Structure formats: structure tokens, C-alpha cells
Amino acid sequence: MAPASSWIKHCLTFKQVSRTLSRTAMATGVQEVLPPQLTSASEPPPLFDGTTRLYTYYPCPFAQRVWITRNYKGLQDEIKLVAIDLLDRPAWYKEKVYPENKVPALEHNNKIIGESLDLIKYVDSHFEGPSLFPDDPSKKEFGEQLIAYTDTFTRAVYTSFKGETVKEVGAPFDYLENALHKFDDGPFFLGQFSLVDIAYIPFVERFQIFLLDVWKYDITSGRPKLAAWIEEINKIDAYKQTKCDPKGLVEMYKKRFLAQQ
């Protein structure tokens, strides 16, 4: 789900995000024309007409999880992006689409599904494309444990931004480093790229940028597995197309976490 509105007012503008994503897509040789964000003045798409739609907000890390999943499975034509401007939300989105009034949300088979962790599993199991969760029982069990830990991980890091960050922030990243030692058949959490990696990377991406810029804290220092994981993730086209704008991210997080310090 998207975080509370306390941070949304500081999010990147669509133009900033669109520029960055467009440059990235061109660099990878894959160009997806991103639809403009819909505002309170926008008419809704033809709802529940059989089209599968992913309602998103480009700067949102929760929505980014589902966006990456869609891209990796090659569903750009099957799942249409509908970008909602969370700073100026259209009334019809809450009234006719998703009463929770959050992103991400998926319109599929005449119903709406929400919550990012549920959605990445849903997209993986209900659509064609490479599977993103293993059949191996030990990997499946460990994968579920790691996915369940994501909220604890993000909460711990966000909380550290308001305290003695450098002293407090190490443990969550040590947890990831240790988890990456579990399987040795690839650089990812379960060896091969999976939903677990998708669940974490939008937040690790943002934390790495902010911690290095503000506190000069390198999350990969002394964590070789985490460093290798980030390096490999950055090679995946499905992810590259969704990355946030570093400068805008730092500005947003400074306003959110440091304004009253």
C-alpha cells in the first residue's frame, strides 16, 4: 500500500519522474510510453470493460513492486498502466475503483485487488510469463519468511532516520546480508530472481541513495552479498524502467524526515 499522505505532498512531480524513466528506458533499448497522471479534472477510463489495469503513482515504492513484476513477466500489453496523481486524486478513483483510495490497485476480471505484497503474488500466479516464486519447499518457506519481514525492515530504517541513524540503521541491512548467504545458486535471495527481490528493491534503492547522500553511510560497506545483489538487480531491465529520480528522492526525504530536526 502507499504510505500515509504526510509524505505524499513531498513526492516527485510527474515531469521529473517521466523524464528519468524515459531516459532509463531509452538507455536499455526498451521504450514504454508512460501515460500522464490522472487528476481531479480527468475523466476515468472505461472501467470494468475487460481491460486489466494497474493503478499506480510513479514515485510510490509500493506500486513500484507491482510495476516491476508486470514488466518482468512481459505484461506491458496485457496490464495497462493508469497513473493516479496522489496530490490531486480524481474523486472517481475512490468512488468507483478502490474505496481505500490508495495505490497500487489492480483491475482484473471485473474486480479490484489491492496491497502490493498480495498483488505481486497475484500477478505472478494469474498471468503468463516467467515464474517469480520457486517450487522448492525450502526456498518457498524462506521466501515467505523474507516477504513477511519487509514491513519490519522498512519500519526499522524509516525510524532510524528520525534518531541516531548511523547507529540504528545497520541491523536491518545486516539481516539482508545474512539472508543472501542462504542459497548459493545465484546472487538473489532465493538464488534466482524472485518476488522476494521485488519486495525489497524499491526500498533498498531509496535507502541507499538517502543514507549515502545525507549521512555518508554506504549500506554495502562490509556487506559483499548485498553489494552484489544490488549490482545484479541494476542489470534487470524490468527494474531499470521503474527507478526513482535520486535528486528528487533526497529532497523529498529531507523534507519528510529532517525538516523538524
C-alpha atoms as a PDB file:
ATOM      1  CA  MET A   1       0.000   0.000   0.000  1.00  0.00           C
ATOM      2  CA  ALA A   2       1.043   3.625  -0.305  1.00  0.00           C
ATOM      3  CA  PRO A   3       2.345   5.388   2.827  1.00  0.00           C
ATOM      4  CA  ALA A   4       0.250   7.970   4.638  1.00  0.00           C
ATOM      5  CA  SER A   5      -0.389  11.323   3.000  1.00  0.00           C
ATOM      6  CA  SER A   6       2.174  13.003   5.269  1.00  0.00           C
ATOM      7  CA  TRP A   7       4.857  12.186   2.748  1.00  0.00           C
ATOM      8  CA  ILE A   8       2.873  12.317  -0.454  1.00  0.00           C
ATOM      9  CA  LYS A   9       2.914  16.117  -0.592  1.00  0.00           C
ATOM     10  CA  HIS A  10       6.677  15.971  -0.958  1.00  0.00           C
ATOM     11  CA  CYS A  11       6.751  13.377  -3.756  1.00  0.00           C
ATOM     12  CA  LEU A  12       8.324  13.971  -7.118  1.00  0.00           C
ATOM     13  CA  THR A  13       6.354  15.647  -9.851  1.00  0.00           C
ATOM     14  CA  PHE A  14       5.248  13.593 -12.809  1.00  0.00           C
ATOM     15  CA  LYS A  15       7.521  15.553 -15.133  1.00  0.00           C
ATOM     16  CA  GLN A  16      10.597  14.710 -13.040  1.00  0.00           C
ATOM     17  CA  VAL A  17       9.700  11.046 -12.885  1.00  0.00           C
ATOM     18  CA  SER A  18       8.697  10.805 -16.519  1.00  0.00           C
ATOM     19  CA  ARG A  19      11.951  12.383 -17.671  1.00  0.00           C
ATOM     20  CA  THR A  20      14.039   9.993 -15.598  1.00  0.00           C
ATOM     21  CA  LEU A  21      12.083   6.892 -16.611  1.00  0.00           C
ATOM     22  CA  SER A  22      12.164   7.882 -20.263  1.00  0.00           C
ATOM     23  CA  ARG A  23      15.935   8.302 -20.195  1.00  0.00           C
ATOM     24  CA  THR A  24      16.345   4.928 -18.491  1.00  0.00           C
ATOM     25  CA  ALA A  25      14.062   3.156 -20.934  1.00  0.00           C
ATOM     26  CA  MET A  26      15.935   4.590 -23.903  1.00  0.00           C
ATOM     27  CA  ALA A  27      19.255   3.524 -22.394  1.00  0.00           C
ATOM     28  CA  THR A  28      18.053  -0.077 -22.128  1.00  0.00           C
ATOM     29  CA  GLY A  29      16.595  -0.098 -25.608  1.00  0.00           C
ATOM     30  CA  VAL A  30      13.095  -0.617 -24.222  1.00  0.00           C
ATOM     31  CA  GLN A  31      10.722   2.297 -24.581  1.00  0.00           C
ATOM     32  CA  GLU A  32       7.351   2.261 -22.890  1.00  0.00           C
ATOM     33  CA  VAL A  33       5.365   5.422 -23.314  1.00  0.00           C
ATOM     34  CA  LEU A  34       4.141   6.252 -19.836  1.00  0.00           C
ATOM     35  CA  PRO A  35       0.616   7.617 -19.560  1.00  0.00           C
ATOM     36  CA  PRO A  36       0.209  11.004 -17.866  1.00  0.00           C
ATOM     37  CA  GLN A  37      -1.137  11.097 -14.339  1.00  0.00           C
ATOM     38  CA  LEU A  38      -4.876  11.496 -13.962  1.00  0.00           C
ATOM     39  CA  THR A  39      -6.023  14.353 -11.738  1.00  0.00           C
ATOM     40  CA  SER A  40      -9.283  15.534 -10.211  1.00  0.00           C
ATOM     41  CA  ALA A  41     -10.113  17.076 -13.583  1.00  0.00           C
ATOM     42  CA  SER A  42      -9.573  13.824 -15.500  1.00  0.00           C
ATOM     43  CA  GLU A  43     -12.280  11.525 -16.759  1.00  0.00           C
ATOM     44  CA  PRO A  44     -11.971   7.858 -15.756  1.00  0.00           C
ATOM     45  CA  PRO A  45     -11.004   5.161 -18.232  1.00  0.00           C
ATOM     46  CA  PRO A  46     -13.855   2.873 -19.349  1.00  0.00           C
ATOM     47  CA  LEU A  47     -13.957   0.970 -16.055  1.00  0.00           C
ATOM     48  CA  PHE A  48     -14.636  -2.765 -15.818  1.00  0.00           C
ATOM     49  CA  ASP A  49     -14.705  -3.219 -19.583  1.00  0.00           C
ATOM     50  CA  GLY A  50     -12.484  -6.306 -19.537  1.00  0.00           C
ATOM     51  CA  THR A  51      -9.217  -4.366 -19.659  1.00  0.00           C
ATOM     52  CA  THR A  52      -6.693  -5.226 -16.959  1.00  0.00           C
ATOM     53  CA  ARG A  53      -5.344  -2.045 -15.357  1.00  0.00           C
ATOM     54  CA  LEU A  54      -2.650  -1.343 -12.801  1.00  0.00           C
ATOM     55  CA  TYR A  55      -3.429   1.858 -10.930  1.00  0.00           C
ATOM     56  CA  THR A  56      -0.151   3.370  -9.837  1.00  0.00           C
ATOM     57  CA  TYR A  57       1.700   6.502  -8.773  1.00  0.00           C
ATOM     58  CA  TYR A  58       5.139   6.629 -10.326  1.00  0.00           C
ATOM     59  CA  PRO A  59       7.153   7.698  -7.226  1.00  0.00           C
ATOM     60  CA  CYS A  60       5.478   5.164  -4.904  1.00  0.00           C
ATOM     61  CA  PRO A  61       7.736   2.254  -3.814  1.00  0.00           C
ATOM     62  CA  PHE A  62       4.747   0.049  -3.033  1.00  0.00           C
ATOM     63  CA  ALA A  63       3.327   0.498  -6.522  1.00  0.00           C
ATOM     64  CA  GLN A  64       6.824   0.019  -7.950  1.00  0.00           C
ATOM     65  CA  ARG A  65       6.783  -3.573  -6.696  1.00  0.00           C
ATOM     66  CA  VAL A  66       3.835  -4.441  -8.914  1.00  0.00           C
ATOM     67  CA  TRP A  67       5.194  -2.417 -11.811  1.00  0.00           C
ATOM     68  CA  ILE A  68       8.444  -4.414 -11.740  1.00  0.00           C
ATOM     69  CA  THR A  69       6.512  -7.697 -11.579  1.00  0.00           C
ATOM     70  CA  ARG A  70       4.408  -6.689 -14.576  1.00  0.00           C
ATOM     71  CA  ASN A  71       7.465  -5.701 -16.562  1.00  0.00           C
ATOM     72  CA  TYR A  72       9.483  -8.807 -15.703  1.00  0.00           C
ATOM     73  CA  LYS A  73       6.685 -11.105 -16.812  1.00  0.00           C
ATOM     74  CA  GLY A  74       6.368  -9.183 -20.087  1.00  0.00           C
ATOM     75  CA  LEU A  75       2.824  -7.985 -19.420  1.00  0.00           C
ATOM     76  CA  GLN A  76       3.164  -4.424 -20.695  1.00  0.00           C
ATOM     77  CA  ASP A  77       0.463  -5.009 -23.307  1.00  0.00           C
ATOM     78  CA  GLU A  78      -1.790  -7.109 -21.091  1.00  0.00           C
ATOM     79  CA  ILE A  79      -1.759  -4.902 -17.983  1.00  0.00           C
ATOM     80  CA  LYS A  80      -2.271  -1.237 -18.779  1.00  0.00           C
ATOM     81  CA  LEU A  81      -0.791   1.404 -16.507  1.00  0.00           C
ATOM     82  CA  VAL A  82      -3.174   4.015 -15.131  1.00  0.00           C
ATOM     83  CA  ALA A  83      -1.258   6.687 -13.248  1.00  0.00           C
ATOM     84  CA  ILE A  84      -3.140   8.461 -10.474  1.00  0.00           C
ATOM     85  CA  ASP A  85      -1.922  11.821  -9.186  1.00  0.00           C
ATOM     86  CA  LEU A  86      -1.995  11.287  -5.423  1.00  0.00           C
ATOM     87  CA  LEU A  87      -1.568  15.030  -4.913  1.00  0.00           C
ATOM     88  CA  ASP A  88      -4.791  15.717  -6.815  1.00  0.00           C
ATOM     89  CA  ARG A  89      -6.736  12.475  -6.832  1.00  0.00           C
ATOM     90  CA  PRO A  90      -9.790  12.115  -9.037  1.00  0.00           C
ATOM     91  CA  ALA A  91     -12.930  11.537  -6.982  1.00  0.00           C
ATOM     92  CA  TRP A  92     -13.993   8.665  -9.220  1.00  0.00           C
ATOM     93  CA  TYR A  93     -10.971   6.609  -8.147  1.00  0.00           C
ATOM     94  CA  LYS A  94     -12.272   6.247  -4.589  1.00  0.00           C
ATOM     95  CA  GLU A  95     -15.933   6.182  -5.545  1.00  0.00           C
ATOM     96  CA  LYS A  96     -15.820   3.759  -8.466  1.00  0.00           C
ATOM     97  CA  VAL A  97     -12.490   1.918  -8.354  1.00  0.00           C
ATOM     98  CA  TYR A  98     -10.852   1.472  -4.958  1.00  0.00           C
ATOM     99  CA  PRO A  99     -12.578   2.742  -1.794  1.00  0.00           C
ATOM    100  CA  GLU A 100      -9.243   2.604   0.065  1.00  0.00           C
ATOM    101  CA  ASN A 101      -8.126   5.402  -2.294  1.00  0.00           C
ATOM    102  CA  LYS A 102      -4.547   4.090  -2.377  1.00  0.00           C
ATOM    103  CA  VAL A 103      -2.156   2.617  -4.883  1.00  0.00           C
ATOM    104  CA  PRO A 104      -1.334   0.115  -6.129  1.00  0.00           C
ATOM    105  CA  ALA A 105      -4.594  -1.459  -7.189  1.00  0.00           C
ATOM    106  CA  LEU A 106      -5.286  -3.938  -9.966  1.00  0.00           C
ATOM    107  CA  GLU A 107      -8.476  -4.078 -12.007  1.00  0.00           C
ATOM    108  CA  HIS A 108      -8.793  -7.653 -13.273  1.00  0.00           C
ATOM    109  CA  ASN A 109     -11.778  -9.821 -14.162  1.00  0.00           C
ATOM    110  CA  ASN A 110     -14.202  -7.121 -13.027  1.00  0.00           C
ATOM    111  CA  LYS A 111     -12.772  -6.866  -9.541  1.00  0.00           C
ATOM    112  CA  ILE A 112     -10.223  -4.703  -7.742  1.00  0.00           C
ATOM    113  CA  ILE A 113      -7.315  -6.105  -5.750  1.00  0.00           C
ATOM    114  CA  GLY A 114      -5.027  -4.032  -3.542  1.00  0.00           C
ATOM    115  CA  GLU A 115      -1.947  -4.269  -1.288  1.00  0.00           C
ATOM    116  CA  SER A 116       1.415  -4.543  -3.005  1.00  0.00           C
ATOM    117  CA  LEU A 117       2.643  -7.821  -1.484  1.00  0.00           C
ATOM    118  CA  ASP A 118      -0.640  -9.529  -2.312  1.00  0.00           C
ATOM    119  CA  LEU A 119      -0.578  -8.068  -5.793  1.00  0.00           C
ATOM    120  CA  ILE A 120       2.890  -9.254  -6.779  1.00  0.00           C
ATOM    121  CA  LYS A 121       1.849 -12.784  -5.837  1.00  0.00           C
ATOM    122  CA  TYR A 122      -1.432 -12.400  -7.701  1.00  0.00           C
ATOM    123  CA  VAL A 123       0.200 -11.143 -10.891  1.00  0.00           C
ATOM    124  CA  ASP A 124       2.770 -13.935 -10.742  1.00  0.00           C
ATOM    125  CA  SER A 125       0.175 -16.674 -10.334  1.00  0.00           C
ATOM    126  CA  HIS A 126      -2.605 -15.367 -12.601  1.00  0.00           C
ATOM    127  CA  PHE A 127      -0.670 -14.249 -15.668  1.00  0.00           C
ATOM    128  CA  GLU A 128       1.709 -15.797 -18.162  1.00  0.00           C
ATOM    129  CA  GLY A 129       5.430 -15.143 -18.101  1.00  0.00           C
ATOM    130  CA  PRO A 130       8.408 -16.438 -16.133  1.00  0.00           C
ATOM    131  CA  SER A 131       7.526 -17.687 -12.661  1.00  0.00           C
ATOM    132  CA  LEU A 132       8.796 -15.498  -9.852  1.00  0.00           C
ATOM    133  CA  PHE A 133       8.459 -17.918  -6.952  1.00  0.00           C
ATOM    134  CA  PRO A 134      10.219 -21.296  -6.679  1.00  0.00           C
ATOM    135  CA  ASP A 135       8.649 -24.722  -6.280  1.00  0.00           C
ATOM    136  CA  ASP A 136      11.447 -25.915  -3.983  1.00  0.00           C
ATOM    137  CA  PRO A 137       9.890 -26.239  -0.491  1.00  0.00           C
ATOM    138  CA  SER A 138      12.884 -24.845   1.405  1.00  0.00           C
ATOM    139  CA  LYS A 139      13.128 -21.833  -0.887  1.00  0.00           C
ATOM    140  CA  LYS A 140       9.398 -21.280  -0.769  1.00  0.00           C
ATOM    141  CA  GLU A 141       9.381 -21.313   3.037  1.00  0.00           C
ATOM    142  CA  PHE A 142      12.371 -18.975   3.292  1.00  0.00           C
ATOM    143  CA  GLY A 143      10.871 -16.702   0.660  1.00  0.00           C
ATOM    144  CA  GLU A 144       7.650 -16.349   2.640  1.00  0.00           C
ATOM    145  CA  GLN A 145       9.668 -15.504   5.762  1.00  0.00           C
ATOM    146  CA  LEU A 146      11.570 -12.798   3.922  1.00  0.00           C
ATOM    147  CA  ILE A 147       8.440 -11.298   2.402  1.00  0.00           C
ATOM    148  CA  ALA A 148       6.834 -11.233   5.855  1.00  0.00           C
ATOM    149  CA  TYR A 149       9.876  -9.332   7.163  1.00  0.00           C
ATOM    150  CA  THR A 150       9.611  -6.481   4.648  1.00  0.00           C
ATOM    151  CA  ASP A 151       7.381  -4.306   6.821  1.00  0.00           C
ATOM    152  CA  THR A 152       9.725  -4.752   9.795  1.00  0.00           C
ATOM    153  CA  PHE A 153      12.684  -3.872   7.589  1.00  0.00           C
ATOM    154  CA  THR A 154      11.197  -0.697   6.146  1.00  0.00           C
ATOM    155  CA  ARG A 155       9.840   0.440   9.511  1.00  0.00           C
ATOM    156  CA  ALA A 156      13.233  -0.005  11.182  1.00  0.00           C
ATOM    157  CA  VAL A 157      15.057   2.012   8.538  1.00  0.00           C
ATOM    158  CA  TYR A 158      12.475   4.778   8.363  1.00  0.00           C
ATOM    159  CA  THR A 159      12.505   5.051  12.166  1.00  0.00           C
ATOM    160  CA  SER A 160      16.288   5.361  12.177  1.00  0.00           C
ATOM    161  CA  PHE A 161      16.038   8.474  10.003  1.00  0.00           C
ATOM    162  CA  LYS A 162      14.485  10.268  12.960  1.00  0.00           C
ATOM    163  CA  GLY A 163      17.026   9.047  15.523  1.00  0.00           C
ATOM    164  CA  GLU A 164      20.728   8.300  15.589  1.00  0.00           C
ATOM    165  CA  THR A 165      20.685   6.939  12.087  1.00  0.00           C
ATOM    166  CA  VAL A 166      24.191   5.563  11.682  1.00  0.00           C
ATOM    167  CA  LYS A 167      23.955   3.690  14.994  1.00  0.00           C
ATOM    168  CA  GLU A 168      20.494   2.297  14.395  1.00  0.00           C
ATOM    169  CA  VAL A 169      20.349   1.531  10.692  1.00  0.00           C
ATOM    170  CA  GLY A 170      22.906  -1.281  10.463  1.00  0.00           C
ATOM    171  CA  ALA A 171      20.846  -4.170  11.826  1.00  0.00           C
ATOM    172  CA  PRO A 172      18.173  -4.234   9.090  1.00  0.00           C
ATOM    173  CA  PHE A 173      20.834  -4.341   6.380  1.00  0.00           C
ATOM    174  CA  ASP A 174      22.798  -6.991   8.277  1.00  0.00           C
ATOM    175  CA  TYR A 175      19.624  -9.074   8.181  1.00  0.00           C
ATOM    176  CA  LEU A 176      19.546  -8.801   4.389  1.00  0.00           C
ATOM    177  CA  GLU A 177      23.248  -9.608   4.127  1.00  0.00           C
ATOM    178  CA  ASN A 178      22.775 -12.765   6.192  1.00  0.00           C
ATOM    179  CA  ALA A 179      19.696 -13.770   4.204  1.00  0.00           C
ATOM    180  CA  LEU A 180      21.661 -13.509   0.965  1.00  0.00           C
ATOM    181  CA  HIS A 181      24.042 -16.205   2.263  1.00  0.00           C
ATOM    182  CA  LYS A 182      21.242 -18.784   2.468  1.00  0.00           C
ATOM    183  CA  PHE A 183      21.414 -20.072  -1.120  1.00  0.00           C
ATOM    184  CA  ASP A 184      24.476 -20.174  -3.348  1.00  0.00           C
ATOM    185  CA  ASP A 185      22.937 -20.906  -6.753  1.00  0.00           C
ATOM    186  CA  GLY A 186      22.651 -17.237  -7.687  1.00  0.00           C
ATOM    187  CA  PRO A 187      23.077 -13.684  -6.372  1.00  0.00           C
ATOM    188  CA  PHE A 188      19.473 -13.180  -5.290  1.00  0.00           C
ATOM    189  CA  PHE A 189      17.665 -14.023  -2.048  1.00  0.00           C
ATOM    190  CA  LEU A 190      16.431 -17.382  -3.324  1.00  0.00           C
ATOM    191  CA  GLY A 191      19.324 -17.854  -5.717  1.00  0.00           C
ATOM    192  CA  GLN A 192      17.356 -16.782  -8.779  1.00  0.00           C
ATOM    193  CA  PHE A 193      15.399 -13.549  -9.170  1.00  0.00           C
ATOM    194  CA  SER A 194      12.051 -13.774  -7.393  1.00  0.00           C
ATOM    195  CA  LEU A 195       9.217 -11.913  -5.723  1.00  0.00           C
ATOM    196  CA  VAL A 196      11.425 -11.545  -2.652  1.00  0.00           C
ATOM    197  CA  ASP A 197      13.851  -9.344  -4.559  1.00  0.00           C
ATOM    198  CA  ILE A 198      10.950  -7.349  -5.971  1.00  0.00           C
ATOM    199  CA  ALA A 199       9.520  -6.824  -2.483  1.00  0.00           C
ATOM    200  CA  TYR A 200      12.769  -5.277  -1.205  1.00  0.00           C
ATOM    201  CA  ILE A 201      14.417  -3.404  -4.049  1.00  0.00           C
ATOM    202  CA  PRO A 202      12.162  -0.303  -4.207  1.00  0.00           C
ATOM    203  CA  PHE A 203      13.014   0.441  -0.583  1.00  0.00           C
ATOM    204  CA  VAL A 204      16.679  -0.570  -0.680  1.00  0.00           C
ATOM    205  CA  GLU A 205      17.035   1.694  -3.717  1.00  0.00           C
ATOM    206  CA  ARG A 206      15.685   4.678  -1.805  1.00  0.00           C
ATOM    207  CA  PHE A 207      17.510   3.922   1.444  1.00  0.00           C
ATOM    208  CA  GLN A 208      20.854   3.529  -0.314  1.00  0.00           C
ATOM    209  CA  ILE A 209      20.509   6.903  -2.034  1.00  0.00           C
ATOM    210  CA  PHE A 210      19.359   8.798   1.054  1.00  0.00           C
ATOM    211  CA  LEU A 211      21.768   7.289   3.573  1.00  0.00           C
ATOM    212  CA  LEU A 212      24.768   7.896   1.347  1.00  0.00           C
ATOM    213  CA  ASP A 213      23.792  11.460   0.483  1.00  0.00           C
ATOM    214  CA  VAL A 214      22.825  12.681   3.954  1.00  0.00           C
ATOM    215  CA  TRP A 215      24.888  10.562   6.357  1.00  0.00           C
ATOM    216  CA  LYS A 216      27.629   9.296   4.022  1.00  0.00           C
ATOM    217  CA  TYR A 217      26.585   5.816   5.113  1.00  0.00           C
ATOM    218  CA  ASP A 218      27.217   3.136   2.496  1.00  0.00           C
ATOM    219  CA  ILE A 219      24.843   0.236   3.066  1.00  0.00           C
ATOM    220  CA  THR A 220      27.112  -2.072   1.020  1.00  0.00           C
ATOM    221  CA  SER A 221      30.264  -1.440   3.085  1.00  0.00           C
ATOM    222  CA  GLY A 222      31.170  -4.705   4.817  1.00  0.00           C
ATOM    223  CA  ARG A 223      28.212  -6.394   3.133  1.00  0.00           C
ATOM    224  CA  PRO A 224      29.544  -8.019  -0.049  1.00  0.00           C
ATOM    225  CA  LYS A 225      26.439 -10.098  -0.698  1.00  0.00           C
ATOM    226  CA  LEU A 226      24.220  -7.027  -0.519  1.00  0.00           C
ATOM    227  CA  ALA A 227      26.588  -5.146  -2.833  1.00  0.00           C
ATOM    228  CA  ALA A 228      26.490  -7.984  -5.372  1.00  0.00           C
ATOM    229  CA  TRP A 229      22.708  -8.210  -5.079  1.00  0.00           C
ATOM    230  CA  ILE A 230      22.255  -4.513  -5.849  1.00  0.00           C
ATOM    231  CA  GLU A 231      24.678  -4.770  -8.759  1.00  0.00           C
ATOM    232  CA  GLU A 232      22.732  -7.661 -10.282  1.00  0.00           C
ATOM    233  CA  ILE A 233      19.354  -6.040  -9.672  1.00  0.00           C
ATOM    234  CA  ASN A 234      20.540  -2.958 -11.547  1.00  0.00           C
ATOM    235  CA  LYS A 235      21.099  -5.108 -14.643  1.00  0.00           C
ATOM    236  CA  ILE A 236      17.443  -6.130 -14.855  1.00  0.00           C
ATOM    237  CA  ASP A 237      15.591  -4.106 -17.482  1.00  0.00           C
ATOM    238  CA  ALA A 238      12.214  -4.642 -15.830  1.00  0.00           C
ATOM    239  CA  TYR A 239      13.548  -2.795 -12.793  1.00  0.00           C
ATOM    240  CA  LYS A 240      15.610  -0.128 -14.570  1.00  0.00           C
ATOM    241  CA  GLN A 241      12.486   1.290 -16.185  1.00  0.00           C
ATOM    242  CA  THR A 242      10.920   1.970 -12.774  1.00  0.00           C
ATOM    243  CA  LYS A 243      13.768   3.566 -10.814  1.00  0.00           C
ATOM    244  CA  CYS A 244      13.225   6.795  -8.905  1.00  0.00           C
ATOM    245  CA  ASP A 245      14.988  10.104  -9.512  1.00  0.00           C
ATOM    246  CA  PRO A 246      17.837  10.269  -6.929  1.00  0.00           C
ATOM    247  CA  LYS A 247      17.888  14.051  -6.559  1.00  0.00           C
ATOM    248  CA  GLY A 248      14.140  14.301  -6.145  1.00  0.00           C
ATOM    249  CA  LEU A 249      14.150  11.388  -3.709  1.00  0.00           C
ATOM    250  CA  VAL A 250      16.750  13.051  -1.464  1.00  0.00           C
ATOM    251  CA  GLU A 251      14.814  16.316  -1.466  1.00  0.00           C
ATOM    252  CA  MET A 252      11.589  14.519  -0.607  1.00  0.00           C
ATOM    253  CA  TYR A 253      13.115  12.516   2.239  1.00  0.00           C
ATOM    254  CA  LYS A 254      14.880  15.551   3.687  1.00  0.00           C
ATOM    255  CA  LYS A 255      11.543  17.344   3.912  1.00  0.00           C
ATOM    256  CA  ARG A 256       9.865  14.293   5.349  1.00  0.00           C
ATOM    257  CA  PHE A 257      12.440  13.250   7.932  1.00  0.00           C
ATOM    258  CA  LEU A 258      14.774  16.163   8.624  1.00  0.00           C
ATOM    259  CA  ALA A 259      12.557  19.242   8.473  1.00  0.00           C
ATOM    260  CA  GLN A 260      11.944  19.329  12.233  1.00  0.00           C
ATOM    261  CA  GLN A 261      15.347  18.159  13.421  1.00  0.00           C
END
